[in-house]
N, C-alpha and C. Protein backbone atom coordinates (compact mmCIF):
# COMPACT_ATOMS: atom_id res chain seq x y z
N MET A 1 5.69 -18.79 -1.40
CA MET A 1 6.47 -17.57 -1.50
C MET A 1 7.85 -17.88 -2.07
N SER A 2 8.36 -16.98 -2.87
CA SER A 2 9.64 -17.22 -3.48
C SER A 2 10.80 -17.00 -2.49
N GLU A 3 10.70 -16.00 -1.64
CA GLU A 3 11.72 -15.76 -0.61
C GLU A 3 11.03 -15.47 0.69
N ASN A 4 11.64 -15.92 1.74
CA ASN A 4 11.10 -15.63 3.05
C ASN A 4 11.57 -14.26 3.49
N PRO A 5 10.68 -13.29 3.68
CA PRO A 5 11.07 -11.94 4.08
C PRO A 5 11.83 -11.91 5.41
N GLU A 6 11.77 -12.99 6.19
CA GLU A 6 12.49 -13.09 7.46
C GLU A 6 13.98 -12.95 7.23
N THR A 7 14.47 -13.36 6.06
CA THR A 7 15.93 -13.41 5.81
C THR A 7 16.44 -12.16 5.12
N LEU A 8 15.56 -11.22 4.83
CA LEU A 8 15.96 -10.02 4.10
C LEU A 8 16.49 -8.95 5.05
N ALA A 9 17.44 -8.17 4.57
CA ALA A 9 17.95 -7.06 5.36
C ALA A 9 16.89 -5.97 5.48
N PRO A 10 16.82 -5.29 6.60
CA PRO A 10 15.81 -4.22 6.74
C PRO A 10 16.11 -3.07 5.77
N VAL A 11 15.04 -2.46 5.29
CA VAL A 11 15.14 -1.34 4.36
C VAL A 11 15.01 -0.04 5.15
N LYS A 12 15.94 0.90 4.90
CA LYS A 12 15.88 2.18 5.57
C LYS A 12 14.83 3.05 4.88
N PRO A 13 13.78 3.47 5.61
CA PRO A 13 12.71 4.27 4.99
C PRO A 13 13.26 5.63 4.50
N ILE A 14 12.93 5.93 3.26
CA ILE A 14 13.37 7.21 2.68
C ILE A 14 12.24 8.05 2.17
N SER A 15 11.00 7.51 2.22
CA SER A 15 9.83 8.23 1.78
C SER A 15 8.61 7.65 2.48
N SER A 16 7.47 8.31 2.28
CA SER A 16 6.26 7.76 2.88
C SER A 16 5.94 6.40 2.27
N ALA A 17 6.25 6.19 1.01
CA ALA A 17 6.02 4.88 0.38
C ALA A 17 6.95 3.84 1.01
N ALA A 18 8.20 4.18 1.20
CA ALA A 18 9.14 3.26 1.82
C ALA A 18 8.75 2.96 3.26
N THR A 19 8.26 3.97 3.96
CA THR A 19 7.81 3.78 5.33
C THR A 19 6.61 2.83 5.36
N ALA A 20 5.69 2.99 4.42
CA ALA A 20 4.51 2.13 4.36
C ALA A 20 4.91 0.69 4.05
N VAL A 21 5.82 0.50 3.10
CA VAL A 21 6.30 -0.83 2.78
C VAL A 21 7.00 -1.46 3.98
N LYS A 22 7.78 -0.69 4.69
CA LYS A 22 8.45 -1.21 5.88
C LYS A 22 7.43 -1.62 6.94
N ARG A 23 6.40 -0.82 7.12
CA ARG A 23 5.34 -1.12 8.09
C ARG A 23 4.66 -2.45 7.70
N CYS A 24 4.35 -2.61 6.41
CA CYS A 24 3.75 -3.85 5.92
C CYS A 24 4.63 -5.05 6.13
N MET A 25 5.93 -4.89 5.83
CA MET A 25 6.87 -6.01 5.96
C MET A 25 7.06 -6.34 7.46
N ASP A 26 7.10 -5.32 8.31
CA ASP A 26 7.25 -5.58 9.76
C ASP A 26 6.03 -6.37 10.26
N ALA A 27 4.84 -5.99 9.77
CA ALA A 27 3.62 -6.71 10.18
C ALA A 27 3.71 -8.16 9.68
N TYR A 28 4.15 -8.32 8.45
CA TYR A 28 4.31 -9.67 7.89
C TYR A 28 5.23 -10.51 8.78
N LYS A 29 6.40 -9.95 9.07
CA LYS A 29 7.42 -10.69 9.84
C LYS A 29 6.89 -11.04 11.23
N GLN A 30 6.21 -10.09 11.89
CA GLN A 30 5.70 -10.34 13.22
C GLN A 30 4.67 -11.47 13.21
N ALA A 31 3.76 -11.43 12.24
CA ALA A 31 2.73 -12.47 12.15
C ALA A 31 3.36 -13.83 11.78
N PHE A 32 4.32 -13.79 10.88
CA PHE A 32 5.01 -15.02 10.46
C PHE A 32 5.68 -15.66 11.68
N ARG A 33 6.42 -14.83 12.44
CA ARG A 33 7.09 -15.37 13.64
C ARG A 33 6.07 -15.89 14.65
N GLY A 34 4.97 -15.18 14.83
CA GLY A 34 3.97 -15.60 15.79
C GLY A 34 3.39 -16.96 15.40
N ALA A 35 3.12 -17.13 14.13
CA ALA A 35 2.59 -18.42 13.65
C ALA A 35 3.65 -19.52 13.81
N ALA A 36 4.92 -19.17 13.56
CA ALA A 36 5.99 -20.15 13.70
C ALA A 36 6.12 -20.58 15.15
N THR A 37 6.00 -19.61 16.06
CA THR A 37 6.06 -19.91 17.50
C THR A 37 4.98 -20.91 17.91
N MET A 38 3.83 -20.84 17.26
CA MET A 38 2.73 -21.72 17.58
C MET A 38 2.85 -23.05 16.82
N GLY A 39 3.93 -23.26 16.09
CA GLY A 39 4.16 -24.52 15.40
C GLY A 39 3.42 -24.68 14.08
N ALA A 40 3.02 -23.58 13.47
CA ALA A 40 2.28 -23.63 12.20
C ALA A 40 3.14 -24.14 11.08
N ASP A 41 2.52 -24.72 10.08
CA ASP A 41 3.24 -25.16 8.88
C ASP A 41 3.56 -23.94 8.02
N GLU A 42 4.37 -24.13 6.99
CA GLU A 42 4.83 -23.03 6.14
C GLU A 42 3.68 -22.27 5.50
N TYR A 43 2.70 -22.96 5.01
CA TYR A 43 1.55 -22.30 4.38
C TYR A 43 0.83 -21.38 5.37
N THR A 44 0.60 -21.89 6.57
CA THR A 44 -0.11 -21.12 7.58
C THR A 44 0.72 -19.90 8.02
N LYS A 45 2.02 -20.05 8.16
CA LYS A 45 2.89 -18.94 8.52
C LYS A 45 2.83 -17.84 7.44
N CYS A 46 2.91 -18.28 6.18
CA CYS A 46 2.86 -17.31 5.08
C CYS A 46 1.50 -16.63 5.00
N LYS A 47 0.44 -17.37 5.22
CA LYS A 47 -0.92 -16.79 5.20
C LYS A 47 -1.09 -15.78 6.32
N ALA A 48 -0.62 -16.11 7.51
CA ALA A 48 -0.69 -15.18 8.65
C ALA A 48 0.08 -13.91 8.33
N GLY A 49 1.25 -14.06 7.72
CA GLY A 49 2.05 -12.89 7.33
C GLY A 49 1.36 -12.05 6.28
N ALA A 50 0.77 -12.73 5.28
CA ALA A 50 0.08 -12.01 4.21
C ALA A 50 -1.13 -11.24 4.75
N ASP A 51 -1.87 -11.87 5.64
CA ASP A 51 -3.04 -11.19 6.25
C ASP A 51 -2.59 -9.95 7.01
N ALA A 52 -1.51 -10.08 7.77
CA ALA A 52 -1.01 -8.92 8.54
C ALA A 52 -0.52 -7.82 7.60
N TYR A 53 0.12 -8.22 6.51
CA TYR A 53 0.60 -7.25 5.51
C TYR A 53 -0.56 -6.45 4.97
N ARG A 54 -1.63 -7.14 4.60
CA ARG A 54 -2.83 -6.48 4.07
C ARG A 54 -3.39 -5.48 5.05
N LEU A 55 -3.46 -5.86 6.30
CA LEU A 55 -4.03 -5.00 7.36
C LEU A 55 -3.17 -3.77 7.62
N ALA A 56 -1.89 -3.87 7.36
CA ALA A 56 -0.96 -2.75 7.62
C ALA A 56 -0.89 -1.77 6.47
N MET A 57 -1.52 -2.07 5.33
CA MET A 57 -1.44 -1.19 4.19
C MET A 57 -2.11 0.14 4.46
N PRO A 58 -1.56 1.22 3.87
CA PRO A 58 -2.13 2.54 4.10
C PRO A 58 -3.50 2.72 3.46
N CYS A 59 -4.31 3.60 4.04
CA CYS A 59 -5.58 3.96 3.39
C CYS A 59 -5.24 4.83 2.18
N MET A 60 -6.22 5.17 1.39
CA MET A 60 -5.95 5.92 0.18
C MET A 60 -6.66 7.27 0.21
N GLY A 61 -6.37 8.05 1.23
CA GLY A 61 -7.06 9.34 1.41
C GLY A 61 -6.39 10.52 0.76
N SER A 62 -5.17 10.37 0.33
CA SER A 62 -4.42 11.46 -0.30
C SER A 62 -3.52 10.90 -1.38
N PRO A 63 -3.06 11.75 -2.29
CA PRO A 63 -2.17 11.24 -3.34
C PRO A 63 -0.93 10.53 -2.79
N SER A 64 -0.34 11.06 -1.74
CA SER A 64 0.87 10.39 -1.17
C SER A 64 0.50 9.04 -0.57
N GLU A 65 -0.67 8.93 0.06
CA GLU A 65 -1.09 7.64 0.59
C GLU A 65 -1.41 6.66 -0.53
N ILE A 66 -1.93 7.15 -1.62
CA ILE A 66 -2.21 6.27 -2.77
C ILE A 66 -0.89 5.74 -3.33
N ARG A 67 0.11 6.63 -3.45
CA ARG A 67 1.43 6.17 -3.92
C ARG A 67 2.03 5.14 -2.96
N ALA A 68 1.85 5.34 -1.66
CA ALA A 68 2.35 4.38 -0.67
C ALA A 68 1.61 3.05 -0.81
N PHE A 69 0.31 3.10 -1.04
CA PHE A 69 -0.50 1.92 -1.23
C PHE A 69 0.00 1.14 -2.45
N ILE A 70 0.24 1.86 -3.55
CA ILE A 70 0.75 1.21 -4.76
C ILE A 70 2.11 0.57 -4.51
N ALA A 71 2.96 1.25 -3.77
CA ALA A 71 4.28 0.71 -3.43
C ALA A 71 4.11 -0.59 -2.62
N CYS A 72 3.18 -0.61 -1.70
CA CYS A 72 2.92 -1.81 -0.92
C CYS A 72 2.39 -2.96 -1.81
N VAL A 73 1.52 -2.64 -2.72
CA VAL A 73 1.00 -3.66 -3.63
C VAL A 73 2.14 -4.22 -4.46
N ALA A 74 2.97 -3.32 -5.05
CA ALA A 74 4.08 -3.75 -5.88
C ALA A 74 5.06 -4.63 -5.08
N HIS A 75 5.34 -4.24 -3.89
CA HIS A 75 6.25 -5.03 -3.03
C HIS A 75 5.59 -6.38 -2.70
N GLY A 76 4.30 -6.36 -2.47
CA GLY A 76 3.58 -7.58 -2.18
C GLY A 76 3.59 -8.54 -3.39
N ILE A 77 3.53 -7.97 -4.58
CA ILE A 77 3.59 -8.78 -5.81
C ILE A 77 4.98 -9.46 -5.87
N ALA A 78 6.01 -8.71 -5.57
CA ALA A 78 7.37 -9.26 -5.62
C ALA A 78 7.56 -10.43 -4.66
N PHE A 79 6.87 -10.36 -3.51
CA PHE A 79 6.99 -11.40 -2.50
C PHE A 79 5.85 -12.39 -2.53
N GLU A 80 5.04 -12.34 -3.60
CA GLU A 80 3.93 -13.26 -3.81
C GLU A 80 2.95 -13.29 -2.65
N ILE A 81 2.69 -12.08 -2.12
CA ILE A 81 1.67 -11.95 -1.06
C ILE A 81 0.29 -12.00 -1.68
N TRP A 82 0.17 -11.46 -2.89
CA TRP A 82 -1.12 -11.42 -3.58
C TRP A 82 -1.21 -12.52 -4.64
N HIS A 83 -2.44 -12.95 -4.90
CA HIS A 83 -2.70 -13.77 -6.06
C HIS A 83 -2.84 -12.80 -7.23
N ALA A 84 -2.62 -13.28 -8.46
CA ALA A 84 -2.61 -12.39 -9.63
C ALA A 84 -3.86 -11.55 -9.72
N ARG A 85 -5.05 -12.16 -9.55
CA ARG A 85 -6.31 -11.40 -9.65
C ARG A 85 -6.40 -10.36 -8.53
N GLU A 86 -5.98 -10.71 -7.35
CA GLU A 86 -6.04 -9.77 -6.24
C GLU A 86 -5.13 -8.57 -6.46
N SER A 87 -3.94 -8.78 -6.98
CA SER A 87 -3.05 -7.64 -7.22
C SER A 87 -3.62 -6.72 -8.28
N THR A 88 -4.26 -7.29 -9.30
CA THR A 88 -4.91 -6.48 -10.32
C THR A 88 -6.04 -5.63 -9.73
N GLN A 89 -6.84 -6.24 -8.85
CA GLN A 89 -7.92 -5.51 -8.22
C GLN A 89 -7.40 -4.39 -7.33
N LEU A 90 -6.33 -4.65 -6.59
CA LEU A 90 -5.77 -3.63 -5.72
C LEU A 90 -5.21 -2.45 -6.53
N LEU A 91 -4.54 -2.76 -7.62
CA LEU A 91 -3.98 -1.70 -8.45
C LEU A 91 -5.10 -0.90 -9.11
N TYR A 92 -6.19 -1.56 -9.50
CA TYR A 92 -7.33 -0.86 -10.07
C TYR A 92 -7.95 0.05 -9.03
N ALA A 93 -8.09 -0.45 -7.79
CA ALA A 93 -8.62 0.40 -6.71
C ALA A 93 -7.77 1.62 -6.52
N ALA A 94 -6.46 1.49 -6.58
CA ALA A 94 -5.55 2.64 -6.46
C ALA A 94 -5.74 3.60 -7.63
N GLN A 95 -5.92 3.06 -8.81
CA GLN A 95 -6.16 3.92 -10.01
C GLN A 95 -7.42 4.70 -9.84
N VAL A 96 -8.49 4.07 -9.38
CA VAL A 96 -9.77 4.77 -9.14
C VAL A 96 -9.60 5.84 -8.08
N ALA A 97 -8.90 5.49 -7.01
CA ALA A 97 -8.71 6.46 -5.91
C ALA A 97 -7.92 7.67 -6.41
N LEU A 98 -6.90 7.40 -7.22
CA LEU A 98 -6.07 8.50 -7.76
C LEU A 98 -6.90 9.38 -8.69
N ALA A 99 -7.75 8.77 -9.51
CA ALA A 99 -8.61 9.58 -10.41
C ALA A 99 -9.60 10.42 -9.58
N ALA A 100 -10.09 9.83 -8.52
CA ALA A 100 -11.03 10.56 -7.64
C ALA A 100 -10.33 11.75 -6.98
N GLN A 101 -9.09 11.56 -6.58
CA GLN A 101 -8.33 12.66 -5.97
C GLN A 101 -8.09 13.76 -7.00
N LYS A 102 -7.71 13.40 -8.22
CA LYS A 102 -7.49 14.39 -9.28
C LYS A 102 -8.76 15.13 -9.60
N SER A 103 -9.88 14.40 -9.61
CA SER A 103 -11.18 15.02 -9.88
C SER A 103 -11.51 16.04 -8.77
N LYS A 104 -11.25 15.63 -7.54
CA LYS A 104 -11.51 16.49 -6.40
C LYS A 104 -10.65 17.77 -6.45
N ILE A 105 -9.40 17.63 -6.78
CA ILE A 105 -8.49 18.77 -6.90
C ILE A 105 -8.95 19.66 -8.04
N HIS A 106 -9.28 19.08 -9.18
CA HIS A 106 -9.76 19.86 -10.34
C HIS A 106 -11.06 20.61 -10.00
N SER A 107 -11.95 19.93 -9.29
CA SER A 107 -13.22 20.56 -8.88
C SER A 107 -12.95 21.74 -7.96
N ASN A 108 -12.05 21.56 -7.02
CA ASN A 108 -11.73 22.65 -6.09
C ASN A 108 -11.11 23.83 -6.82
N GLU A 109 -10.26 23.56 -7.81
CA GLU A 109 -9.65 24.63 -8.59
C GLU A 109 -10.68 25.42 -9.36
N LYS A 110 -11.68 24.72 -9.94
CA LYS A 110 -12.73 25.38 -10.69
C LYS A 110 -13.56 26.27 -9.75
N ARG A 111 -13.87 25.72 -8.56
CA ARG A 111 -14.67 26.48 -7.62
C ARG A 111 -13.92 27.73 -7.18
N THR A 112 -12.63 27.62 -6.94
CA THR A 112 -11.84 28.76 -6.50
C THR A 112 -11.74 29.82 -7.61
N SER A 113 -11.53 29.40 -8.85
CA SER A 113 -11.41 30.37 -9.96
C SER A 113 -12.75 31.02 -10.25
N ALA A 114 -13.85 30.34 -9.98
CA ALA A 114 -15.18 30.93 -10.24
C ALA A 114 -15.51 32.00 -9.22
N THR A 115 -14.95 31.92 -8.03
CA THR A 115 -15.25 32.86 -6.98
C THR A 115 -14.28 34.04 -6.91
N GLU A 116 -13.17 33.91 -7.66
CA GLU A 116 -12.17 34.99 -7.63
C GLU A 116 -12.64 36.13 -8.57
N PRO A 117 -12.46 37.36 -8.15
CA PRO A 117 -12.85 38.48 -9.02
C PRO A 117 -12.01 38.54 -10.25
N SER A 118 -12.62 38.97 -11.31
CA SER A 118 -11.91 39.09 -12.59
C SER A 118 -11.55 40.55 -12.79
N PHE A 119 -10.28 40.82 -13.03
CA PHE A 119 -9.83 42.17 -13.23
C PHE A 119 -9.55 42.41 -14.69
N THR A 120 -10.24 43.31 -15.24
CA THR A 120 -9.98 43.70 -16.65
C THR A 120 -9.54 45.14 -16.64
N GLY A 121 -8.63 45.43 -17.39
CA GLY A 121 -8.06 46.70 -17.22
C GLY A 121 -7.99 47.58 -18.34
């Protein structure tokens, strides 16, 4: 890792994405500290933190959750939580989830407009 997140100042959450990133970083820090308490080496502490970060990431059930997921991936890239291939796969998963959400919204709009009465005057 390039920087140890233990030494960073806490970020004040200002959005659901910022809240999700904070939750991931808090999970990272807690796992890192727990591994350190058990006398783990640096690699093991970072791995424990990275695993906890992954588990704390938001699901992708709505557009705002997808944006929060992307923010967590981007933040994880900055702190080298992901390997290059893994970050690419996570961002692709977010892209697919976002496309599915847009498709779902578009489908619902079509269904609604098809059932609405047409007024011609």
